[in-house]
Amino acid sequence: MEHNTVSFIALLSSHLKQSQIHPSHMEQIDYERLYTLGKIHSVSGMLYMSLKAQRQLADIPESLEQAWKQDFVSTISRAALQQQEMQKVIECFNNHQMKHVLFKGYALKDIYPTPDMRTMGDIDILIQSSDRQRSHAMLEAIGYKATYTAGNVWTYVRGAVQLEIHDHLISRNFNDQADYRDYYNDAWKYAVKKSQQGFTYQFTENDHLIYLFVHMAKHFYSTGCGIRMFMDIAALIQRDHNPLNWSYIQAQLRILKLDIFANHVLDLCQRWFDVDLPITILKMDERFYEQISEYIYSAGVFGYYRRDGYVAMLRTLGAKRKQEHTGLRTLRTYWSICFPSYRTLSGMAAYSFLKNRPLFLPLAWGLRAARSLLYRWKRTWRLLLGVVTSKKEYDRQDKLLEELGL
């Protein structure tokens, strides 16, 4: 692993553990490269705090130090805005006696040494399916605008704050190894009340950790995931109260066919953040460690940075059918692109007329084809050609994910 990446990890680890790092990690750093890593992984503010704690700010060029400081201030400002809005949302849910579970980023931030530094693009809330329309009306009444209202995840925006309101934790299975949707069909059995009063819930720490592995696997299988998801797991494991039930966690991971994947994730958490594990895990060989580390670092928080987007699309569309001939697999992919499902199209604003009218699907296909060929023909041809030209990178990533346990 190249030196700047080692320094990047060391600084984040020092923030998690509130400790000093070895001086060798701070020698001959390319601060431009370090800054880029912080930006693409959405931990720029956290890096700034760590550099300040290590008394390294004087070594950074002034213009770069100012940019870093601005990222730090922006992180704090955004966190304050999200907190202010979430207090209103939670109060509204409770006033309407509507059960809701807070999970992922917003539920995890308080286990970090500086909660405001745990950035999040959106805030996730689980509700009961029977409360979907009531929740929708309630959020619109307090100023949120619905931007997507199809499937199991509806999105809402108010200013710079975005909410994802789920009525299922897993909307669809991301591979064919296990039925993740069925496992989380009744996710409420994993939730407990945050307090005796009110209707706000959270997942037990054991079940939240299991879900984080599932969520991480889903992101790996599509575009990828960055260092922040690993930090969430490390922070949850090394918090200083309520020991985790590892027998239960490992048993559930075996049911979900994610035990090998979780082993690799824990190995990385142990190497990067010196996590103290009460269980024995298998160490990956150095060749694979270097490969998977580069794969994680290079593409940012959700794997989008300078990575071939067509590869993720192929995997999302179900192109991973190894038993099929390459030509047939390609045809299936083209079919999925040209003839999206009712569920996919009805969730798009341009085709909202489809909602509750599945018989109009062929009409929507025709309209979409006309728009693509008349107004977006360059993008359309890039998309169709990308399916073929991305095959080599798809095969490389596919091999890497298979070794990872996915």
Protein backbone atom coordinates (compact mmCIF):
# COMPACT_ATOMS: atom_id res chain seq x y z
CA MET A 1 0.00 0.00 0.00
CA GLU A 2 1.41 3.37 -1.00
CA HIS A 3 2.55 5.73 1.75
CA ASN A 4 -0.18 8.38 1.41
CA THR A 5 -2.86 5.74 1.79
CA VAL A 6 -1.13 4.40 4.91
CA SER A 7 -1.08 7.94 6.33
CA PHE A 8 -4.75 8.40 5.41
CA ILE A 9 -5.73 5.30 7.37
CA ALA A 10 -3.45 6.16 10.29
CA LEU A 11 -5.02 9.60 10.67
CA LEU A 12 -8.57 8.22 10.59
CA SER A 13 -7.63 5.52 13.08
CA SER A 14 -6.11 8.12 15.41
CA HIS A 15 -9.38 10.05 15.27
CA LEU A 16 -11.44 6.97 16.13
CA LYS A 17 -9.17 5.97 19.00
CA GLN A 18 -8.27 9.56 20.02
CA SER A 19 -4.60 8.66 19.99
CA GLN A 20 -1.31 9.85 18.54
CA ILE A 21 0.15 8.10 15.51
CA HIS A 22 3.68 6.98 14.75
CA PRO A 23 5.81 9.86 13.36
CA SER A 24 6.79 7.76 10.33
CA HIS A 25 3.21 7.98 9.05
CA MET A 26 3.55 11.75 8.76
CA GLU A 27 6.77 11.79 6.76
CA GLN A 28 6.88 12.79 3.08
CA ILE A 29 3.11 13.09 2.71
CA ASP A 30 1.60 14.33 -0.53
CA TYR A 31 -1.03 16.55 1.08
CA GLU A 32 -2.84 17.10 -2.22
CA ARG A 33 -3.31 13.33 -2.49
CA LEU A 34 -4.35 13.10 1.16
CA TYR A 35 -6.88 15.90 0.65
CA THR A 36 -8.34 14.14 -2.40
CA LEU A 37 -8.74 10.91 -0.45
CA GLY A 38 -10.57 12.77 2.29
CA LYS A 39 -12.91 14.45 -0.19
CA ILE A 40 -13.86 11.34 -2.17
CA HIS A 41 -14.46 9.35 1.03
CA SER A 42 -16.42 12.16 2.73
CA VAL A 43 -14.07 12.29 5.73
CA SER A 44 -12.33 15.58 4.93
CA GLY A 45 -13.44 17.27 8.14
CA MET A 46 -12.35 14.29 10.20
CA LEU A 47 -8.91 14.34 8.55
CA TYR A 48 -8.58 18.05 9.33
CA MET A 49 -9.29 17.40 13.02
CA SER A 50 -6.76 14.58 13.09
CA LEU A 51 -4.07 16.63 11.36
CA LYS A 52 -4.69 19.41 13.86
CA ALA A 53 -4.42 16.97 16.76
CA GLN A 54 -1.13 15.67 15.32
CA ARG A 55 0.14 19.28 14.97
CA GLN A 56 0.60 18.86 11.22
CA LEU A 57 -1.30 21.88 9.88
CA ALA A 58 1.85 24.00 9.68
CA ASP A 59 3.27 21.60 7.07
CA ILE A 60 0.32 22.02 4.71
CA PRO A 61 0.39 24.67 1.93
CA GLU A 62 -1.73 27.65 3.01
CA SER A 63 -4.27 27.43 0.18
CA LEU A 64 -4.81 23.73 0.82
CA GLU A 65 -5.05 24.27 4.58
CA GLN A 66 -7.77 26.88 3.99
CA ALA A 67 -9.71 24.50 1.73
CA TRP A 68 -9.42 21.79 4.39
CA LYS A 69 -10.59 24.19 7.10
CA GLN A 70 -13.58 25.17 4.96
CA ASP A 71 -14.48 21.48 4.55
CA PHE A 72 -14.32 21.12 8.32
CA VAL A 73 -16.61 24.13 8.85
CA SER A 74 -19.01 22.91 6.16
CA THR A 75 -19.14 19.48 7.79
CA ILE A 76 -20.09 21.04 11.13
CA SER A 77 -22.68 23.32 9.51
CA ARG A 78 -24.32 20.48 7.58
CA ALA A 79 -24.39 18.28 10.69
CA ALA A 80 -26.06 21.07 12.70
CA LEU A 81 -28.67 21.55 9.98
CA GLN A 82 -29.38 17.82 9.78
CA GLN A 83 -29.66 17.60 13.57
CA GLN A 84 -32.05 20.54 13.70
CA GLU A 85 -34.26 19.05 10.97
CA MET A 86 -34.20 15.57 12.48
CA GLN A 87 -35.38 16.89 15.83
CA LYS A 88 -38.43 18.29 14.03
CA VAL A 89 -39.01 15.06 12.08
CA ILE A 90 -38.68 12.83 15.15
CA GLU A 91 -40.97 15.12 17.15
CA CYS A 92 -43.50 14.98 14.32
CA PHE A 93 -43.39 11.17 14.14
CA ASN A 94 -43.88 10.96 17.90
CA ASN A 95 -46.69 13.51 17.94
CA HIS A 96 -48.48 11.41 15.33
CA GLN A 97 -47.74 8.24 17.37
CA MET A 98 -45.97 6.70 14.39
CA LYS A 99 -43.38 4.02 15.11
CA HIS A 100 -40.05 4.64 13.35
CA VAL A 101 -36.54 3.20 13.45
CA LEU A 102 -33.42 5.34 13.05
CA PHE A 103 -30.55 3.41 11.48
CA LYS A 104 -27.26 3.70 9.60
CA GLY A 105 -25.52 7.11 9.71
CA TYR A 106 -27.82 9.09 11.97
CA ALA A 107 -28.07 6.24 14.47
CA LEU A 108 -24.30 5.59 14.39
CA LYS A 109 -22.89 9.12 14.59
CA ASP A 110 -23.04 9.28 18.38
CA ILE A 111 -20.60 6.38 18.77
CA TYR A 112 -17.93 8.50 17.06
CA PRO A 113 -15.63 10.69 19.20
CA THR A 114 -16.94 13.75 17.32
CA PRO A 115 -20.46 12.91 16.06
CA ASP A 116 -20.61 15.90 13.70
CA MET A 117 -17.71 14.48 11.69
CA ARG A 118 -19.67 11.36 10.69
CA THR A 119 -21.04 12.75 7.43
CA MET A 120 -24.19 11.46 5.73
CA GLY A 121 -25.74 12.29 2.39
CA ASP A 122 -29.22 11.27 3.48
CA ILE A 123 -30.93 10.15 6.67
CA ASP A 124 -32.59 6.72 6.80
CA ILE A 125 -35.81 5.99 8.69
CA LEU A 126 -37.79 2.75 8.73
CA ILE A 127 -41.57 2.92 9.10
CA GLN A 128 -44.34 0.33 8.97
CA SER A 129 -45.87 -0.26 5.52
CA SER A 130 -49.31 0.60 6.87
CA ASP A 131 -48.03 4.08 7.77
CA ARG A 132 -46.71 4.93 4.28
CA GLN A 133 -49.44 7.37 3.21
CA ARG A 134 -49.74 8.87 6.69
CA SER A 135 -45.99 9.43 6.79
CA HIS A 136 -46.09 10.98 3.31
CA ALA A 137 -48.76 13.49 4.29
CA MET A 138 -47.02 14.26 7.56
CA LEU A 139 -43.65 15.03 5.94
CA GLU A 140 -45.23 17.21 3.27
CA ALA A 141 -47.08 19.10 6.00
CA ILE A 142 -43.78 20.08 7.67
CA GLY A 143 -42.20 21.28 4.43
CA TYR A 144 -40.60 18.24 2.83
CA LYS A 145 -40.94 17.73 -0.91
CA ALA A 146 -41.25 14.17 -2.21
CA THR A 147 -38.71 13.43 -4.96
CA TYR A 148 -39.31 9.69 -5.40
CA THR A 149 -42.45 7.83 -4.35
CA ALA A 150 -42.23 4.28 -5.69
CA GLY A 151 -41.09 0.98 -4.28
CA ASN A 152 -40.00 0.52 -0.69
CA VAL A 153 -37.86 3.67 -0.34
CA TRP A 154 -39.43 7.11 -0.77
CA THR A 155 -37.18 10.16 -0.73
CA TYR A 156 -37.91 13.65 0.58
CA VAL A 157 -35.94 16.90 0.50
CA ARG A 158 -36.11 20.07 2.55
CA GLY A 159 -33.27 22.46 1.76
CA ALA A 160 -29.99 20.58 2.07
CA VAL A 161 -31.54 17.73 4.09
CA GLN A 162 -32.63 14.54 2.36
CA LEU A 163 -34.62 11.73 3.98
CA GLU A 164 -35.00 8.14 2.81
CA ILE A 165 -38.17 6.65 4.29
CA HIS A 166 -38.11 2.84 4.09
CA ASP A 167 -40.95 0.43 4.69
CA HIS A 168 -38.58 -2.53 4.12
CA LEU A 169 -34.88 -2.66 4.97
CA ILE A 170 -34.03 -4.58 1.80
CA SER A 171 -35.98 -3.72 -1.34
CA ARG A 172 -34.51 -6.48 -3.52
CA ASN A 173 -31.92 -9.21 -3.33
CA PHE A 174 -28.60 -8.01 -4.70
CA ASN A 175 -27.29 -11.49 -5.48
CA ASP A 176 -28.59 -15.06 -5.51
CA GLN A 177 -26.72 -16.36 -2.45
CA ALA A 178 -29.45 -15.67 0.12
CA ASP A 179 -32.91 -14.16 0.43
CA TYR A 180 -32.00 -10.93 2.19
CA ARG A 181 -35.40 -9.40 1.56
CA ASP A 182 -37.12 -12.29 3.31
CA TYR A 183 -34.66 -12.15 6.24
CA TYR A 184 -35.61 -8.51 6.80
CA ASN A 185 -39.29 -8.86 5.87
CA ASP A 186 -40.17 -8.17 9.50
CA ALA A 187 -37.27 -5.96 10.50
CA TRP A 188 -39.19 -4.68 13.53
CA LYS A 189 -38.32 -7.82 15.47
CA TYR A 190 -34.73 -6.52 15.56
CA ALA A 191 -35.76 -3.12 16.95
CA VAL A 192 -36.07 -1.82 20.50
CA LYS A 193 -37.43 1.46 21.87
CA LYS A 194 -34.92 4.22 22.49
CA SER A 195 -36.90 5.30 25.58
CA GLN A 196 -40.01 4.27 27.46
CA GLN A 197 -41.90 7.26 26.10
CA GLY A 198 -42.33 7.97 22.45
CA PHE A 199 -42.30 5.93 19.24
CA THR A 200 -38.62 6.16 18.27
CA TYR A 201 -36.82 2.83 17.89
CA GLN A 202 -33.34 1.62 17.08
CA PHE A 203 -31.91 -1.77 16.17
CA THR A 204 -30.13 -3.79 18.81
CA GLU A 205 -26.39 -3.34 18.45
CA ASN A 206 -25.96 -6.98 17.40
CA ASP A 207 -28.58 -6.70 14.67
CA HIS A 208 -27.40 -3.29 13.56
CA LEU A 209 -23.92 -4.70 13.03
CA ILE A 210 -25.34 -7.60 11.02
CA TYR A 211 -27.32 -5.15 8.90
CA LEU A 212 -24.18 -3.05 8.29
CA PHE A 213 -22.49 -6.14 6.82
CA VAL A 214 -25.52 -6.73 4.58
CA HIS A 215 -25.64 -3.08 3.53
CA MET A 216 -21.92 -3.06 2.80
CA ALA A 217 -22.23 -6.23 0.73
CA LYS A 218 -25.01 -4.61 -1.30
CA HIS A 219 -22.79 -1.61 -2.05
CA PHE A 220 -19.83 -3.79 -2.95
CA TYR A 221 -22.03 -5.72 -5.33
CA SER A 222 -23.17 -2.56 -7.13
CA THR A 223 -20.63 0.28 -7.22
CA GLY A 224 -18.48 -0.30 -4.15
CA CYS A 225 -18.01 1.26 -0.74
CA GLY A 226 -15.40 3.42 0.88
CA ILE A 227 -13.63 3.75 4.17
CA ARG A 228 -16.57 5.32 6.02
CA MET A 229 -18.55 2.06 6.13
CA PHE A 230 -15.54 0.28 7.60
CA MET A 231 -15.22 3.02 10.21
CA ASP A 232 -18.87 2.50 11.18
CA ILE A 233 -18.20 -1.17 11.88
CA ALA A 234 -14.95 -0.45 13.72
CA ALA A 235 -16.60 2.25 15.86
CA LEU A 236 -19.53 -0.03 16.73
CA ILE A 237 -17.26 -2.91 17.72
CA GLN A 238 -14.86 -0.92 19.86
CA ARG A 239 -17.37 1.21 21.76
CA ASP A 240 -16.94 0.88 25.52
CA HIS A 241 -20.25 -0.67 26.64
CA ASN A 242 -22.61 -3.59 26.05
CA PRO A 243 -20.39 -6.34 24.60
CA LEU A 244 -21.62 -7.83 21.35
CA ASN A 245 -22.98 -11.38 21.16
CA TRP A 246 -20.56 -12.79 18.61
CA SER A 247 -22.06 -16.29 18.65
CA TYR A 248 -25.38 -14.83 17.54
CA ILE A 249 -23.74 -12.50 14.99
CA GLN A 250 -21.71 -15.28 13.38
CA ALA A 251 -24.72 -17.62 13.25
CA GLN A 252 -26.82 -14.98 11.46
CA LEU A 253 -24.02 -14.19 9.02
CA ARG A 254 -23.86 -17.88 8.09
CA ILE A 255 -27.61 -17.87 7.43
CA LEU A 256 -27.12 -14.83 5.20
CA LYS A 257 -24.14 -16.47 3.44
CA LEU A 258 -22.00 -13.48 4.41
CA ASP A 259 -19.67 -15.14 6.89
CA ILE A 260 -16.67 -15.19 4.51
CA PHE A 261 -17.33 -11.61 3.43
CA ALA A 262 -17.67 -10.45 7.06
CA ASN A 263 -14.42 -12.22 7.95
CA HIS A 264 -12.59 -10.17 5.31
CA VAL A 265 -14.25 -6.96 6.48
CA LEU A 266 -13.23 -7.64 10.08
CA ASP A 267 -9.70 -8.43 8.94
CA LEU A 268 -9.52 -5.00 7.26
CA CYS A 269 -10.99 -3.28 10.34
CA GLN A 270 -8.40 -4.98 12.51
CA ARG A 271 -5.51 -4.01 10.21
CA TRP A 272 -6.65 -0.43 9.66
CA PHE A 273 -8.19 0.55 12.99
CA ASP A 274 -6.59 -1.90 15.42
CA VAL A 275 -9.99 -3.26 16.42
CA ASP A 276 -9.81 -5.69 19.32
CA LEU A 277 -11.88 -8.74 18.35
CA PRO A 278 -12.88 -11.47 20.84
CA ILE A 279 -13.16 -13.97 17.99
CA THR A 280 -10.59 -15.58 15.73
CA ILE A 281 -10.68 -14.55 12.08
CA LEU A 282 -8.77 -15.79 9.07
CA LYS A 283 -6.21 -13.39 7.61
CA MET A 284 -6.29 -12.73 3.87
CA ASP A 285 -3.03 -13.13 1.99
CA GLU A 286 -1.03 -10.01 1.17
CA ARG A 287 -1.77 -10.19 -2.55
CA PHE A 288 -5.52 -10.01 -2.00
CA TYR A 289 -5.13 -7.48 0.82
CA GLU A 290 -3.34 -5.09 -1.56
CA GLN A 291 -5.92 -5.66 -4.30
CA ILE A 292 -9.00 -5.14 -2.17
CA SER A 293 -7.45 -2.17 -0.34
CA GLU A 294 -6.73 -0.41 -3.64
CA TYR A 295 -10.25 -1.23 -4.85
CA ILE A 296 -11.75 0.41 -1.76
CA TYR A 297 -9.51 3.48 -1.59
CA SER A 298 -9.47 4.36 -5.27
CA ALA A 299 -13.18 4.92 -5.87
CA GLY A 300 -14.44 6.90 -2.88
CA VAL A 301 -17.31 6.68 -0.42
CA PHE A 302 -19.74 4.82 -2.71
CA GLY A 303 -17.36 3.55 -5.39
CA TYR A 304 -18.23 6.16 -8.02
CA TYR A 305 -14.96 8.06 -8.24
CA ARG A 306 -13.22 7.36 -11.58
CA ARG A 307 -14.82 3.94 -11.81
CA ASP A 308 -16.59 2.54 -14.86
CA GLY A 309 -20.27 3.14 -14.14
CA TYR A 310 -21.37 0.62 -16.75
CA VAL A 311 -19.87 -2.23 -14.71
CA ALA A 312 -22.14 -1.42 -11.77
CA MET A 313 -25.09 -1.17 -14.12
CA LEU A 314 -24.36 -4.61 -15.58
CA ARG A 315 -24.21 -6.16 -12.13
CA THR A 316 -27.34 -4.34 -10.95
CA LEU A 317 -29.27 -5.51 -14.00
CA GLY A 318 -28.46 -9.10 -13.15
CA ALA A 319 -25.79 -9.74 -15.74
CA LYS A 320 -23.93 -12.05 -13.37
CA ARG A 321 -25.07 -15.35 -14.87
CA LYS A 322 -21.86 -17.29 -15.19
CA GLN A 323 -23.58 -20.40 -16.48
CA GLU A 324 -24.81 -18.51 -19.54
CA HIS A 325 -22.97 -17.91 -22.78
CA THR A 326 -21.51 -14.39 -22.98
CA GLY A 327 -23.72 -13.51 -25.95
CA LEU A 328 -26.92 -14.52 -24.17
CA ARG A 329 -25.86 -12.65 -21.06
CA THR A 330 -25.28 -9.52 -23.17
CA LEU A 331 -28.69 -9.85 -24.81
CA ARG A 332 -30.35 -10.13 -21.39
CA THR A 333 -28.57 -6.95 -20.33
CA TYR A 334 -29.68 -5.06 -23.44
CA TRP A 335 -33.24 -6.23 -22.83
CA SER A 336 -33.15 -4.87 -19.27
CA ILE A 337 -31.83 -1.53 -20.55
CA CYS A 338 -34.34 -1.16 -23.38
CA PHE A 339 -37.38 -2.54 -21.54
CA PRO A 340 -37.20 -1.53 -17.86
CA SER A 341 -39.66 -3.08 -15.45
CA TYR A 342 -42.91 -1.45 -14.40
CA ARG A 343 -41.47 -0.88 -10.95
CA THR A 344 -38.41 0.91 -12.34
CA LEU A 345 -40.24 3.19 -14.75
CA SER A 346 -43.18 4.05 -12.50
CA GLY A 347 -40.72 5.49 -9.99
CA MET A 348 -39.39 8.01 -12.53
CA ALA A 349 -41.02 11.44 -12.63
CA ALA A 350 -41.29 11.40 -16.44
CA TYR A 351 -43.35 8.20 -16.32
CA SER A 352 -45.37 8.79 -13.17
CA PHE A 353 -48.55 8.26 -15.21
CA LEU A 354 -47.68 4.53 -14.98
CA LYS A 355 -48.33 4.36 -11.25
CA ASN A 356 -51.19 1.91 -10.65
CA ARG A 357 -51.53 1.53 -14.45
CA PRO A 358 -49.21 -1.36 -15.40
CA LEU A 359 -51.08 -1.91 -18.69
CA PHE A 360 -49.54 1.35 -19.94
CA LEU A 361 -46.01 -0.08 -19.67
CA PRO A 362 -45.58 -0.66 -23.46
CA LEU A 363 -46.58 2.98 -24.06
CA ALA A 364 -43.95 4.10 -21.55
CA TRP A 365 -41.32 1.96 -23.32
CA GLY A 366 -42.18 3.66 -26.60
CA LEU A 367 -42.00 7.16 -25.14
CA ARG A 368 -38.68 6.38 -23.49
CA ALA A 369 -37.23 5.00 -26.73
CA ALA A 370 -38.35 8.09 -28.66
CA ARG A 371 -36.84 10.45 -26.08
CA SER A 372 -33.58 8.50 -25.98
CA LEU A 373 -33.15 8.45 -29.77
CA LEU A 374 -34.34 11.99 -30.48
CA TYR A 375 -33.00 14.01 -27.56
CA ARG A 376 -30.34 11.89 -25.85
CA TRP A 377 -28.96 9.83 -28.68
CA LYS A 378 -25.29 10.42 -27.79
CA ARG A 379 -25.86 9.24 -24.21
CA THR A 380 -27.91 6.30 -25.48
CA TRP A 381 -25.18 5.08 -27.82
CA ARG A 382 -22.53 5.49 -25.10
CA LEU A 383 -24.70 3.37 -22.85
CA LEU A 384 -25.22 0.61 -25.40
CA LEU A 385 -21.55 0.52 -26.38
CA GLY A 386 -20.51 0.61 -22.72
CA VAL A 387 -22.12 -2.77 -22.13
CA VAL A 388 -19.57 -4.35 -24.48
CA THR A 389 -16.50 -2.23 -23.75
CA SER A 390 -16.87 -2.66 -19.96
CA LYS A 391 -16.75 -6.45 -20.05
CA LYS A 392 -13.03 -6.71 -19.19
CA GLU A 393 -13.39 -4.48 -16.12
CA TYR A 394 -16.59 -6.31 -15.18
CA ASP A 395 -14.74 -9.64 -15.21
CA ARG A 396 -11.90 -8.17 -13.11
CA GLN A 397 -14.28 -6.83 -10.49
CA ASP A 398 -16.35 -10.00 -10.58
CA LYS A 399 -13.27 -12.08 -9.72
CA LEU A 400 -12.35 -9.70 -6.91
CA LEU A 401 -15.85 -9.81 -5.39
CA GLU A 402 -15.96 -13.59 -5.64
CA GLU A 403 -12.74 -13.80 -3.64
CA LEU A 404 -14.20 -11.31 -1.17
CA GLY A 405 -17.03 -13.77 -0.56
CA LEU A 406 -19.81 -12.20 -2.65
